[in-house]
């Protein structure tokens, strides 16, 4: 079945507010998270519940396909829909994996200082992978480079090796919820700060840092 067929299927516990959502609504949220992850300069908060829900939905849809008649003209359409969902899922996870590898040390340090589990960026599985990747990177650097330099220079400096995302990079966004009084600091250092009101439905090209919290709250989405 395609997503139009499962419009009324209910997936519980997928929404941040604890409300039930249809499979189509879960897919829409996952697609938003996928686009946001691709456009964002940093790693965004994981959406493991959405991923798990859609994996379950793919399994259910695949089981339903087995009950379709071989020459049913809808079969090809349904398979295309499953392939589309799989593409979104795999691309979303691949982008996250690339960022985890790029910012591994930075992300681990950030997660270690986070006291609120609800604000953790990495899922438990991603955190385990990041630790293993960082450890392997340090070991490789030790074996390939540090053992060949003077002993007083063999210390592995995590701060120097840590790659941090550019939080001042510009992003395109669409406003889902009107938000007044967003402070845009003057990056020239001349004190020409500006305060703007984000209008619902409008689109902006703006630095990531001032709207970071709005992205996490869902008031804006990247495009």
N, C-alpha and C. Protein backbone atom coordinates (compact mmCIF):
# COMPACT_ATOMS: atom_id res chain seq x y z
N UNK A 1 0.84 -1.18 0.00
CA UNK A 1 0.00 0.00 0.00
C UNK A 1 0.88 1.24 0.00
N UNK A 2 0.43 2.32 -0.64
CA UNK A 2 1.21 3.55 -0.59
C UNK A 2 0.70 4.44 0.53
N UNK A 3 1.32 5.62 0.69
CA UNK A 3 1.00 6.46 1.83
C UNK A 3 -0.43 6.98 1.79
N UNK A 4 -1.01 7.11 0.61
CA UNK A 4 -2.40 7.53 0.55
C UNK A 4 -3.31 6.45 1.11
N UNK A 5 -2.87 5.19 0.99
CA UNK A 5 -3.66 4.08 1.50
C UNK A 5 -3.56 3.96 3.01
N UNK A 6 -2.47 4.46 3.58
CA UNK A 6 -2.27 4.30 5.02
C UNK A 6 -2.50 5.62 5.75
N UNK A 7 -3.19 6.54 5.13
CA UNK A 7 -3.44 7.85 5.73
C UNK A 7 -4.05 7.74 7.10
N UNK A 8 -4.87 6.70 7.31
CA UNK A 8 -5.55 6.57 8.59
C UNK A 8 -4.86 5.61 9.54
N UNK A 9 -3.77 4.97 9.10
CA UNK A 9 -3.02 4.10 10.00
C UNK A 9 -2.45 4.92 11.13
N UNK A 10 -2.54 4.43 12.35
CA UNK A 10 -2.09 5.18 13.51
C UNK A 10 -0.80 4.60 14.05
N UNK A 11 0.16 5.49 14.31
CA UNK A 11 1.41 5.10 14.94
C UNK A 11 1.50 5.86 16.24
N UNK A 12 1.49 5.18 17.36
CA UNK A 12 1.46 5.82 18.66
C UNK A 12 2.86 6.18 19.13
N UNK A 13 2.91 7.28 19.91
CA UNK A 13 4.15 7.67 20.57
C UNK A 13 5.20 8.23 19.65
N UNK A 14 4.82 8.75 18.48
CA UNK A 14 5.80 9.27 17.54
C UNK A 14 5.98 10.77 17.67
N UNK A 15 5.00 11.45 18.15
CA UNK A 15 5.04 12.90 18.25
C UNK A 15 5.73 13.34 19.53
N UNK A 16 6.43 14.49 19.46
CA UNK A 16 7.13 15.00 20.63
C UNK A 16 6.19 15.30 21.78
N UNK A 17 4.94 15.62 21.47
CA UNK A 17 3.95 15.93 22.50
C UNK A 17 3.21 14.69 22.97
N UNK A 18 3.59 13.53 22.48
CA UNK A 18 2.95 12.30 22.91
C UNK A 18 1.65 11.99 22.19
N UNK A 19 1.32 12.76 21.13
CA UNK A 19 0.09 12.54 20.39
C UNK A 19 0.32 11.48 19.32
N UNK A 20 -0.74 10.75 18.99
CA UNK A 20 -0.64 9.75 17.94
C UNK A 20 -0.65 10.43 16.58
N UNK A 21 0.01 9.80 15.62
CA UNK A 21 0.07 10.34 14.27
C UNK A 21 -0.19 9.24 13.26
N UNK A 22 -0.67 9.64 12.10
CA UNK A 22 -0.83 8.68 11.01
C UNK A 22 0.54 8.41 10.41
N UNK A 23 0.63 7.33 9.63
CA UNK A 23 1.90 7.00 8.97
C UNK A 23 2.33 8.12 8.04
N UNK A 24 1.36 8.75 7.37
CA UNK A 24 1.67 9.85 6.46
C UNK A 24 2.26 11.03 7.22
N UNK A 25 1.74 11.31 8.41
CA UNK A 25 2.25 12.42 9.22
C UNK A 25 3.66 12.12 9.72
N UNK A 26 3.91 10.86 10.09
CA UNK A 26 5.25 10.46 10.52
C UNK A 26 6.24 10.64 9.37
N UNK A 27 5.85 10.22 8.17
CA UNK A 27 6.72 10.36 7.01
C UNK A 27 7.00 11.82 6.72
N UNK A 28 5.99 12.67 6.84
CA UNK A 28 6.18 14.10 6.60
C UNK A 28 7.20 14.69 7.58
N UNK A 29 7.08 14.30 8.85
CA UNK A 29 8.02 14.79 9.86
C UNK A 29 9.44 14.28 9.57
N UNK A 30 9.53 13.03 9.14
CA UNK A 30 10.84 12.47 8.84
C UNK A 30 11.46 13.18 7.64
N UNK A 31 10.66 13.50 6.63
CA UNK A 31 11.18 14.21 5.47
C UNK A 31 11.67 15.60 5.86
N UNK A 32 10.95 16.27 6.77
CA UNK A 32 11.40 17.57 7.28
C UNK A 32 12.73 17.43 8.01
N UNK A 33 12.85 16.38 8.84
CA UNK A 33 14.09 16.14 9.58
C UNK A 33 15.23 15.85 8.61
N UNK A 34 14.94 15.12 7.54
CA UNK A 34 15.94 14.78 6.52
C UNK A 34 16.46 16.04 5.83
N UNK A 35 15.56 16.91 5.40
CA UNK A 35 15.96 18.15 4.73
C UNK A 35 16.74 19.04 5.69
N UNK A 36 16.24 19.14 6.92
CA UNK A 36 16.92 19.95 7.92
C UNK A 36 18.33 19.45 8.17
N UNK A 37 18.48 18.13 8.27
CA UNK A 37 19.81 17.55 8.52
C UNK A 37 20.76 17.83 7.36
N UNK A 38 20.25 17.80 6.17
CA UNK A 38 21.08 18.07 4.99
C UNK A 38 21.50 19.53 4.92
N UNK A 39 20.62 20.43 5.34
CA UNK A 39 20.89 21.86 5.22
C UNK A 39 21.61 22.45 6.43
N UNK A 40 21.52 21.80 7.57
CA UNK A 40 22.09 22.34 8.80
C UNK A 40 23.61 22.17 8.83
N UNK A 41 24.34 23.17 9.36
CA UNK A 41 25.80 23.04 9.45
C UNK A 41 26.25 22.12 10.57
N UNK A 42 25.35 21.76 11.48
CA UNK A 42 25.70 20.91 12.61
C UNK A 42 24.77 19.71 12.67
N UNK A 43 25.03 18.80 13.59
CA UNK A 43 24.16 17.64 13.75
C UNK A 43 22.95 18.02 14.58
N UNK A 44 21.77 17.75 14.07
CA UNK A 44 20.55 18.08 14.78
C UNK A 44 20.14 16.93 15.71
N UNK A 45 19.16 17.19 16.54
CA UNK A 45 18.70 16.17 17.50
C UNK A 45 18.16 14.94 16.75
N UNK A 46 18.53 13.78 17.23
CA UNK A 46 18.14 12.55 16.56
C UNK A 46 16.63 12.35 16.58
N UNK A 47 16.12 11.67 15.56
CA UNK A 47 14.69 11.38 15.43
C UNK A 47 14.49 9.87 15.36
N UNK A 48 15.03 9.18 16.34
CA UNK A 48 15.01 7.71 16.33
C UNK A 48 13.59 7.15 16.31
N UNK A 49 12.67 7.80 17.03
CA UNK A 49 11.30 7.29 17.08
C UNK A 49 10.66 7.33 15.70
N UNK A 50 10.90 8.42 14.96
CA UNK A 50 10.35 8.52 13.61
C UNK A 50 10.95 7.44 12.71
N UNK A 51 12.26 7.23 12.83
CA UNK A 51 12.93 6.21 12.02
C UNK A 51 12.37 4.83 12.33
N UNK A 52 12.23 4.51 13.62
CA UNK A 52 11.70 3.20 14.01
C UNK A 52 10.27 3.01 13.51
N UNK A 53 9.48 4.07 13.59
CA UNK A 53 8.08 3.98 13.13
C UNK A 53 8.01 3.68 11.63
N UNK A 54 8.86 4.36 10.85
CA UNK A 54 8.82 4.16 9.41
C UNK A 54 9.40 2.81 9.02
N UNK A 55 10.37 2.30 9.78
CA UNK A 55 10.88 0.95 9.52
C UNK A 55 9.77 -0.08 9.75
N UNK A 56 8.99 0.12 10.80
CA UNK A 56 7.85 -0.77 11.06
C UNK A 56 6.83 -0.65 9.94
N UNK A 57 6.63 0.59 9.46
CA UNK A 57 5.64 0.81 8.40
C UNK A 57 6.09 0.13 7.10
N UNK A 58 7.38 0.21 6.79
CA UNK A 58 7.90 -0.45 5.59
C UNK A 58 7.68 -1.96 5.68
N UNK A 59 7.94 -2.51 6.86
CA UNK A 59 7.73 -3.95 7.05
C UNK A 59 6.26 -4.31 6.83
N UNK A 60 5.37 -3.50 7.38
CA UNK A 60 3.94 -3.76 7.23
C UNK A 60 3.52 -3.66 5.78
N UNK A 61 4.01 -2.63 5.09
CA UNK A 61 3.67 -2.45 3.68
C UNK A 61 4.21 -3.61 2.83
N UNK A 62 5.42 -4.07 3.14
CA UNK A 62 6.01 -5.19 2.40
C UNK A 62 5.21 -6.47 2.60
N UNK A 63 4.71 -6.67 3.82
CA UNK A 63 3.89 -7.84 4.09
C UNK A 63 2.58 -7.77 3.31
N UNK A 64 2.01 -6.56 3.21
CA UNK A 64 0.77 -6.39 2.47
C UNK A 64 0.96 -6.66 0.98
N UNK A 65 2.15 -6.31 0.47
CA UNK A 65 2.43 -6.54 -0.95
C UNK A 65 2.43 -8.03 -1.29
N UNK A 66 2.85 -8.85 -0.34
CA UNK A 66 2.90 -10.29 -0.57
C UNK A 66 1.50 -10.87 -0.78
N UNK A 67 0.50 -10.15 -0.29
CA UNK A 67 -0.88 -10.63 -0.43
C UNK A 67 -1.55 -10.11 -1.70
N UNK A 68 -0.84 -9.23 -2.42
CA UNK A 68 -1.40 -8.70 -3.67
C UNK A 68 -1.25 -9.73 -4.80
N UNK A 69 -2.16 -9.69 -5.71
CA UNK A 69 -2.07 -10.58 -6.86
C UNK A 69 -0.92 -10.13 -7.76
N UNK A 70 -0.29 -11.10 -8.40
CA UNK A 70 0.93 -10.85 -9.17
C UNK A 70 0.73 -9.80 -10.25
N UNK A 71 -0.43 -9.77 -10.89
CA UNK A 71 -0.67 -8.86 -12.01
C UNK A 71 -1.48 -7.63 -11.58
N UNK A 72 -1.58 -7.39 -10.31
CA UNK A 72 -2.28 -6.20 -9.82
C UNK A 72 -1.49 -4.96 -10.24
N UNK A 73 -2.13 -4.04 -11.00
CA UNK A 73 -1.42 -2.88 -11.53
C UNK A 73 -0.91 -1.96 -10.41
N UNK A 74 -1.48 -2.09 -9.22
CA UNK A 74 -1.04 -1.23 -8.11
C UNK A 74 0.28 -1.70 -7.50
N UNK A 75 0.69 -2.91 -7.82
CA UNK A 75 1.88 -3.49 -7.21
C UNK A 75 3.12 -2.63 -7.46
N UNK A 76 3.31 -2.19 -8.70
CA UNK A 76 4.50 -1.40 -9.05
C UNK A 76 4.48 -0.05 -8.33
N UNK A 77 3.29 0.55 -8.21
CA UNK A 77 3.16 1.84 -7.52
C UNK A 77 3.51 1.69 -6.06
N UNK A 78 3.01 0.62 -5.44
CA UNK A 78 3.28 0.38 -4.03
C UNK A 78 4.78 0.15 -3.79
N UNK A 79 5.42 -0.59 -4.69
CA UNK A 79 6.86 -0.84 -4.55
C UNK A 79 7.65 0.45 -4.68
N UNK A 80 7.22 1.33 -5.59
CA UNK A 80 7.89 2.62 -5.75
C UNK A 80 7.77 3.46 -4.49
N UNK A 81 6.63 3.39 -3.84
CA UNK A 81 6.43 4.15 -2.61
C UNK A 81 7.34 3.63 -1.49
N UNK A 82 7.47 2.32 -1.40
CA UNK A 82 8.37 1.74 -0.40
C UNK A 82 9.81 2.16 -0.69
N UNK A 83 10.20 2.15 -1.97
CA UNK A 83 11.56 2.55 -2.33
C UNK A 83 11.80 4.01 -1.99
N UNK A 84 10.79 4.85 -2.15
CA UNK A 84 10.93 6.27 -1.83
C UNK A 84 11.17 6.46 -0.34
N UNK A 85 10.41 5.74 0.48
CA UNK A 85 10.56 5.85 1.93
C UNK A 85 11.94 5.35 2.35
N UNK A 86 12.35 4.23 1.75
CA UNK A 86 13.68 3.68 2.07
C UNK A 86 14.78 4.67 1.70
N UNK A 87 14.61 5.38 0.59
CA UNK A 87 15.61 6.36 0.18
C UNK A 87 15.72 7.49 1.20
N UNK A 88 14.58 7.99 1.65
CA UNK A 88 14.58 9.07 2.64
C UNK A 88 15.27 8.61 3.93
N UNK A 89 14.92 7.41 4.37
CA UNK A 89 15.51 6.86 5.59
C UNK A 89 17.02 6.70 5.46
N UNK A 90 17.46 6.07 4.38
CA UNK A 90 18.90 5.80 4.21
C UNK A 90 19.69 7.09 4.05
N UNK A 91 19.13 8.05 3.31
CA UNK A 91 19.81 9.33 3.11
C UNK A 91 19.91 10.10 4.43
N UNK A 92 18.84 10.10 5.20
CA UNK A 92 18.83 10.77 6.51
C UNK A 92 19.91 10.19 7.43
N UNK A 93 19.96 8.87 7.50
CA UNK A 93 20.93 8.21 8.38
C UNK A 93 22.36 8.38 7.86
N UNK A 94 22.52 8.40 6.55
CA UNK A 94 23.85 8.56 5.96
C UNK A 94 24.40 9.96 6.24
N UNK A 95 23.56 10.99 6.12
CA UNK A 95 23.99 12.36 6.40
C UNK A 95 24.40 12.50 7.86
N UNK A 96 23.62 11.90 8.75
CA UNK A 96 23.96 11.95 10.17
C UNK A 96 25.28 11.24 10.44
N UNK A 97 25.48 10.10 9.80
CA UNK A 97 26.72 9.34 10.01
C UNK A 97 27.93 10.15 9.55
N UNK A 98 27.81 10.85 8.43
CA UNK A 98 28.91 11.66 7.93
C UNK A 98 29.25 12.78 8.91
N UNK A 99 28.23 13.39 9.50
CA UNK A 99 28.47 14.46 10.46
C UNK A 99 29.07 13.92 11.76
N UNK A 100 28.62 12.76 12.18
CA UNK A 100 29.16 12.14 13.40
C UNK A 100 30.65 11.87 13.23
N UNK A 101 31.04 11.36 12.08
CA UNK A 101 32.45 11.09 11.82
C UNK A 101 33.25 12.39 11.74
N UNK A 102 32.67 13.41 11.17
CA UNK A 102 33.37 14.69 11.01
C UNK A 102 33.55 15.41 12.35
N UNK A 103 32.50 15.39 13.19
CA UNK A 103 32.52 16.15 14.43
C UNK A 103 32.58 15.26 15.68
N UNK A 104 33.12 14.06 15.54
CA UNK A 104 33.04 13.05 16.61
C UNK A 104 33.47 13.58 17.97
N UNK A 105 34.66 14.14 18.08
CA UNK A 105 35.16 14.59 19.37
C UNK A 105 34.32 15.74 19.92
N UNK A 106 33.96 16.66 19.06
CA UNK A 106 33.13 17.79 19.48
C UNK A 106 31.77 17.32 20.00
N UNK A 107 31.16 16.40 19.30
CA UNK A 107 29.84 15.90 19.70
C UNK A 107 29.91 15.14 21.03
N UNK A 108 30.94 14.35 21.20
CA UNK A 108 31.08 13.58 22.45
C UNK A 108 31.30 14.51 23.64
N UNK A 109 32.11 15.55 23.46
CA UNK A 109 32.32 16.52 24.54
C UNK A 109 31.03 17.26 24.86
N UNK A 110 30.27 17.59 23.82
CA UNK A 110 29.00 18.30 24.00
C UNK A 110 27.98 17.42 24.72
N UNK A 111 27.91 16.16 24.36
CA UNK A 111 26.97 15.24 24.98
C UNK A 111 27.33 14.98 26.45
N UNK A 112 28.63 14.94 26.74
CA UNK A 112 29.09 14.66 28.10
C UNK A 112 28.70 15.78 29.07
N UNK A 113 28.56 17.00 28.54
CA UNK A 113 28.21 18.14 29.39
C UNK A 113 26.71 18.39 29.44
N UNK A 114 25.93 17.59 28.69
CA UNK A 114 24.48 17.78 28.64
C UNK A 114 23.81 17.02 29.79
N UNK A 115 23.07 17.75 30.63
CA UNK A 115 22.42 17.14 31.80
C UNK A 115 20.98 16.73 31.52
N UNK A 116 20.39 17.24 30.46
CA UNK A 116 19.00 16.94 30.12
C UNK A 116 18.98 15.91 28.99
N UNK A 117 18.53 14.69 29.29
CA UNK A 117 18.53 13.63 28.28
C UNK A 117 17.65 13.98 27.08
N UNK A 118 16.63 14.80 27.31
CA UNK A 118 15.72 15.16 26.23
C UNK A 118 16.40 16.03 25.18
N UNK A 119 17.55 16.62 25.54
CA UNK A 119 18.25 17.52 24.62
C UNK A 119 19.47 16.87 23.98
N UNK A 120 19.66 15.58 24.23
CA UNK A 120 20.79 14.88 23.63
C UNK A 120 20.65 14.83 22.11
N UNK A 121 21.72 15.11 21.42
CA UNK A 121 21.71 15.12 19.95
C UNK A 121 21.86 13.72 19.38
N UNK A 122 22.71 12.92 20.01
CA UNK A 122 22.99 11.57 19.53
C UNK A 122 22.03 10.56 20.13
N UNK A 123 21.61 9.59 19.34
CA UNK A 123 20.87 8.46 19.88
C UNK A 123 21.87 7.56 20.60
N UNK A 124 21.42 6.64 21.46
CA UNK A 124 22.36 5.74 22.14
C UNK A 124 23.25 4.98 21.16
N UNK A 125 22.69 4.53 20.05
CA UNK A 125 23.48 3.79 19.06
C UNK A 125 24.50 4.71 18.39
N UNK A 126 24.10 5.96 18.11
CA UNK A 126 25.01 6.91 17.49
C UNK A 126 26.13 7.30 18.45
N UNK A 127 25.79 7.44 19.73
CA UNK A 127 26.80 7.79 20.73
C UNK A 127 27.85 6.69 20.84
N UNK A 128 27.39 5.44 20.81
CA UNK A 128 28.32 4.30 20.87
C UNK A 128 29.23 4.29 19.64
N UNK A 129 28.66 4.57 18.48
CA UNK A 129 29.45 4.60 17.24
C UNK A 129 30.46 5.74 17.29
N UNK A 130 30.04 6.91 17.78
CA UNK A 130 30.94 8.07 17.85
C UNK A 130 32.13 7.78 18.76
N UNK A 131 31.87 7.12 19.89
CA UNK A 131 32.96 6.77 20.81
C UNK A 131 33.93 5.79 20.16
N UNK A 132 33.39 4.79 19.47
CA UNK A 132 34.24 3.80 18.81
C UNK A 132 35.05 4.44 17.69
N UNK A 133 34.39 5.33 16.93
CA UNK A 133 35.08 6.00 15.82
C UNK A 133 36.19 6.90 16.34
N UNK A 134 35.90 7.69 17.40
CA UNK A 134 36.90 8.59 17.97
C UNK A 134 38.09 7.81 18.52
N UNK A 135 37.79 6.68 19.18
CA UNK A 135 38.85 5.85 19.73
C UNK A 135 39.73 5.27 18.62
N UNK A 136 39.11 4.82 17.55
CA UNK A 136 39.86 4.27 16.42
C UNK A 136 40.71 5.34 15.76
N UNK A 137 40.16 6.55 15.66
CA UNK A 137 40.89 7.66 15.06
C UNK A 137 42.12 8.01 15.89
N UNK A 138 41.96 8.06 17.21
CA UNK A 138 43.08 8.35 18.10
C UNK A 138 44.15 7.27 18.01
N UNK A 139 43.71 6.01 17.98
CA UNK A 139 44.64 4.89 17.90
C UNK A 139 45.43 4.92 16.59
N UNK A 140 44.71 5.21 15.50
CA UNK A 140 45.36 5.29 14.19
C UNK A 140 46.38 6.43 14.17
N UNK A 141 46.01 7.57 14.71
CA UNK A 141 46.91 8.73 14.74
C UNK A 141 48.15 8.42 15.58
N UNK A 142 47.92 7.69 16.68
CA UNK A 142 49.03 7.32 17.56
C UNK A 142 50.01 6.40 16.83
N UNK A 143 49.50 5.42 16.13
CA UNK A 143 50.35 4.43 15.46
C UNK A 143 51.03 4.98 14.22
N UNK A 144 50.35 5.85 13.50
CA UNK A 144 50.87 6.34 12.23
C UNK A 144 51.76 7.57 12.38
N UNK A 145 51.40 8.45 13.33
CA UNK A 145 52.09 9.73 13.44
C UNK A 145 52.90 9.88 14.72
N UNK A 146 52.23 9.76 15.87
CA UNK A 146 52.85 10.14 17.14
C UNK A 146 54.07 9.30 17.51
N UNK A 147 54.07 8.03 17.13
CA UNK A 147 55.21 7.19 17.50
C UNK A 147 56.49 7.55 16.74
N UNK A 148 56.35 8.39 15.72
CA UNK A 148 57.49 8.78 14.91
C UNK A 148 58.00 10.19 15.25
N UNK A 149 57.42 10.82 16.26
CA UNK A 149 57.86 12.16 16.65
C UNK A 149 58.52 12.08 18.02
N UNK A 150 59.25 13.13 18.44
CA UNK A 150 59.89 13.12 19.75
C UNK A 150 58.88 12.84 20.86
N UNK A 151 59.35 12.18 21.91
CA UNK A 151 58.47 11.72 22.99
C UNK A 151 57.68 12.85 23.63
N UNK A 152 58.28 14.03 23.75
CA UNK A 152 57.58 15.15 24.39
C UNK A 152 56.47 15.72 23.53
N UNK A 153 56.33 15.23 22.30
CA UNK A 153 55.27 15.71 21.40
C UNK A 153 54.23 14.64 21.10
N UNK A 154 54.27 13.55 21.85
CA UNK A 154 53.40 12.41 21.53
C UNK A 154 52.02 12.47 22.19
N UNK A 155 51.71 13.53 22.86
CA UNK A 155 50.40 13.65 23.51
C UNK A 155 49.32 13.94 22.47
N UNK A 156 48.23 13.20 22.55
CA UNK A 156 47.11 13.43 21.64
C UNK A 156 46.24 14.54 22.21
N UNK A 157 46.16 15.67 21.53
CA UNK A 157 45.40 16.84 21.98
C UNK A 157 44.01 16.80 21.34
N UNK A 158 43.00 16.42 22.13
CA UNK A 158 41.63 16.32 21.61
C UNK A 158 41.11 17.65 21.09
N UNK A 159 41.46 18.74 21.78
CA UNK A 159 40.96 20.06 21.38
C UNK A 159 41.46 20.44 20.00
N UNK A 160 42.73 20.14 19.74
CA UNK A 160 43.29 20.49 18.44
C UNK A 160 42.77 19.58 17.33
N UNK A 161 42.42 18.35 17.68
CA UNK A 161 41.91 17.41 16.69
C UNK A 161 40.41 17.56 16.47
N UNK A 162 39.74 18.21 17.41
CA UNK A 162 38.29 18.33 17.34
C UNK A 162 37.86 19.31 16.26
N UNK A 163 37.03 18.86 15.34
CA UNK A 163 36.47 19.71 14.30
C UNK A 163 35.10 20.19 14.77
N UNK A 164 34.88 21.50 14.74
CA UNK A 164 33.61 22.07 15.20
C UNK A 164 32.83 22.61 14.01
N UNK A 165 31.51 22.48 14.05
CA UNK A 165 30.68 22.99 12.95
C UNK A 165 30.67 24.51 12.92
N UNK A 166 30.44 25.07 11.76
CA UNK A 166 30.37 26.52 11.59
C UNK A 166 28.95 27.00 11.91
N UNK A 167 28.76 27.44 13.15
CA UNK A 167 27.43 27.86 13.59
C UNK A 167 27.03 29.22 13.03
N UNK A 168 27.97 29.91 12.38
CA UNK A 168 27.67 31.21 11.79
C UNK A 168 27.37 31.10 10.30
N UNK A 169 27.29 29.86 9.79
CA UNK A 169 26.94 29.68 8.39
C UNK A 169 25.50 30.09 8.11
N UNK A 170 25.23 30.48 6.89
CA UNK A 170 23.88 30.93 6.52
C UNK A 170 23.03 29.76 6.05
N UNK A 171 21.73 29.81 6.38
CA UNK A 171 20.79 28.77 6.00
C UNK A 171 19.51 29.40 5.48
N UNK A 172 18.81 28.69 4.59
CA UNK A 172 17.48 29.09 4.14
C UNK A 172 16.47 28.45 5.08
N UNK A 173 15.49 29.23 5.50
CA UNK A 173 14.47 28.68 6.39
C UNK A 173 13.09 29.18 6.03
N UNK A 174 12.10 28.41 6.45
CA UNK A 174 10.69 28.80 6.33
C UNK A 174 10.10 28.87 7.72
N UNK A 175 9.35 29.92 7.99
CA UNK A 175 8.79 30.13 9.32
C UNK A 175 7.45 29.42 9.44
N UNK A 176 7.34 28.52 10.42
CA UNK A 176 6.09 27.80 10.67
C UNK A 176 5.26 28.48 11.75
N UNK A 177 5.94 29.22 12.61
CA UNK A 177 5.27 29.91 13.71
C UNK A 177 5.88 31.31 13.85
N UNK A 178 5.05 32.34 13.78
CA UNK A 178 5.55 33.72 13.88
C UNK A 178 6.35 33.90 15.17
N UNK A 179 7.51 34.52 15.04
CA UNK A 179 8.39 34.71 16.19
C UNK A 179 8.98 36.12 16.14
N UNK A 180 8.61 36.98 17.06
CA UNK A 180 9.14 38.35 17.07
C UNK A 180 10.47 38.45 17.82
N UNK A 181 11.19 39.53 17.55
CA UNK A 181 12.36 39.88 18.34
C UNK A 181 13.56 38.96 18.22
N UNK A 182 13.90 38.54 17.01
CA UNK A 182 15.09 37.71 16.83
C UNK A 182 16.30 38.64 16.65
N UNK A 183 17.27 38.51 17.52
CA UNK A 183 18.44 39.38 17.49
C UNK A 183 19.49 38.83 16.54
N UNK A 184 19.86 39.65 15.56
CA UNK A 184 20.92 39.31 14.62
C UNK A 184 22.13 40.15 14.96
N UNK A 185 23.15 39.52 15.51
CA UNK A 185 24.35 40.25 15.90
C UNK A 185 25.19 40.60 14.68
N UNK A 186 25.80 41.77 14.73
CA UNK A 186 26.64 42.24 13.65
C UNK A 186 27.96 41.49 13.67
N UNK A 187 28.20 40.66 12.66
CA UNK A 187 29.41 39.84 12.65
C UNK A 187 30.67 40.63 12.28
N UNK A 188 30.51 41.94 11.96
CA UNK A 188 31.69 42.77 11.69
C UNK A 188 32.28 43.35 12.97
N UNK A 189 31.54 43.21 14.08
CA UNK A 189 32.03 43.73 15.35
C UNK A 189 31.86 45.23 15.51
N UNK A 190 31.05 45.85 14.65
CA UNK A 190 30.86 47.30 14.71
C UNK A 190 29.62 47.68 15.51
N UNK A 191 28.99 46.71 16.14
CA UNK A 191 27.86 47.00 17.01
C UNK A 191 26.57 47.33 16.31
N UNK A 192 26.44 46.97 15.04
CA UNK A 192 25.21 47.26 14.30
C UNK A 192 24.27 46.07 14.34
N UNK A 193 23.91 45.67 15.55
CA UNK A 193 22.98 44.56 15.72
C UNK A 193 21.60 44.95 15.20
N UNK A 194 20.86 43.92 14.79
CA UNK A 194 19.52 44.16 14.23
C UNK A 194 18.53 43.17 14.84
N UNK A 195 17.32 43.65 15.10
CA UNK A 195 16.27 42.78 15.63
C UNK A 195 15.17 42.67 14.59
N UNK A 196 14.78 41.44 14.24
CA UNK A 196 13.75 41.25 13.22
C UNK A 196 12.63 40.37 13.76
N UNK A 197 11.46 40.47 13.13
CA UNK A 197 10.32 39.63 13.45
C UNK A 197 10.14 38.61 12.32
N UNK A 198 10.10 37.36 12.66
CA UNK A 198 9.90 36.31 11.66
C UNK A 198 8.40 36.10 11.46
N UNK A 199 7.93 36.30 10.24
CA UNK A 199 6.52 36.20 9.93
C UNK A 199 6.17 34.79 9.45
N UNK A 200 5.07 34.27 9.95
CA UNK A 200 4.64 32.92 9.58
C UNK A 200 4.48 32.79 8.07
N UNK A 201 5.04 31.73 7.52
CA UNK A 201 4.95 31.47 6.09
C UNK A 201 6.03 32.14 5.26
N UNK A 202 6.81 33.02 5.88
CA UNK A 202 7.87 33.73 5.15
C UNK A 202 9.13 32.88 5.09
N UNK A 203 10.00 33.23 4.14
CA UNK A 203 11.26 32.54 3.98
C UNK A 203 12.40 33.53 4.15
N UNK A 204 13.50 33.06 4.75
CA UNK A 204 14.62 33.94 5.05
C UNK A 204 15.94 33.23 4.76
N UNK A 205 16.96 34.03 4.46
CA UNK A 205 18.34 33.58 4.43
C UNK A 205 19.00 34.23 5.63
N UNK A 206 19.42 33.41 6.58
CA UNK A 206 19.85 33.95 7.86
C UNK A 206 20.94 33.07 8.47
N UNK A 207 21.74 33.63 9.37
CA UNK A 207 22.76 32.83 10.03
C UNK A 207 22.11 31.78 10.93
N UNK A 208 22.77 30.63 11.03
CA UNK A 208 22.19 29.51 11.77
C UNK A 208 22.07 29.78 13.27
N UNK A 209 23.09 30.37 13.87
CA UNK A 209 23.15 30.49 15.32
C UNK A 209 21.94 31.20 15.94
N UNK A 210 21.45 32.32 15.40
CA UNK A 210 20.31 33.01 16.02
C UNK A 210 19.00 32.21 15.98
N UNK A 211 18.89 31.27 15.03
CA UNK A 211 17.62 30.54 14.89
C UNK A 211 17.74 29.09 15.34
N UNK A 212 18.87 28.74 15.94
CA UNK A 212 19.12 27.36 16.34
C UNK A 212 18.02 26.82 17.27
N UNK A 213 17.67 27.59 18.28
CA UNK A 213 16.65 27.15 19.23
C UNK A 213 15.26 27.09 18.59
N UNK A 214 15.01 27.98 17.62
CA UNK A 214 13.71 27.97 16.93
C UNK A 214 13.58 26.71 16.09
N UNK A 215 14.68 26.27 15.53
CA UNK A 215 14.68 25.04 14.73
C UNK A 215 14.37 23.84 15.61
N UNK A 216 14.96 23.81 16.80
CA UNK A 216 14.74 22.71 17.72
C UNK A 216 13.30 22.69 18.24
N UNK A 217 12.69 23.87 18.40
CA UNK A 217 11.32 23.94 18.91
C UNK A 217 10.28 23.71 17.83
N UNK A 218 10.72 23.75 16.55
CA UNK A 218 9.78 23.54 15.45
C UNK A 218 9.14 24.80 14.93
N UNK A 219 9.58 25.97 15.41
CA UNK A 219 9.01 27.23 14.94
C UNK A 219 9.44 27.55 13.52
N UNK A 220 10.60 27.03 13.12
CA UNK A 220 11.08 27.20 11.75
C UNK A 220 11.58 25.86 11.24
N UNK A 221 11.70 25.76 9.93
CA UNK A 221 12.25 24.56 9.31
C UNK A 221 13.18 24.98 8.20
N UNK A 222 14.25 24.24 7.96
CA UNK A 222 15.19 24.56 6.90
C UNK A 222 14.66 24.05 5.57
N UNK A 223 15.03 24.74 4.51
CA UNK A 223 14.57 24.37 3.17
C UNK A 223 15.77 24.37 2.22
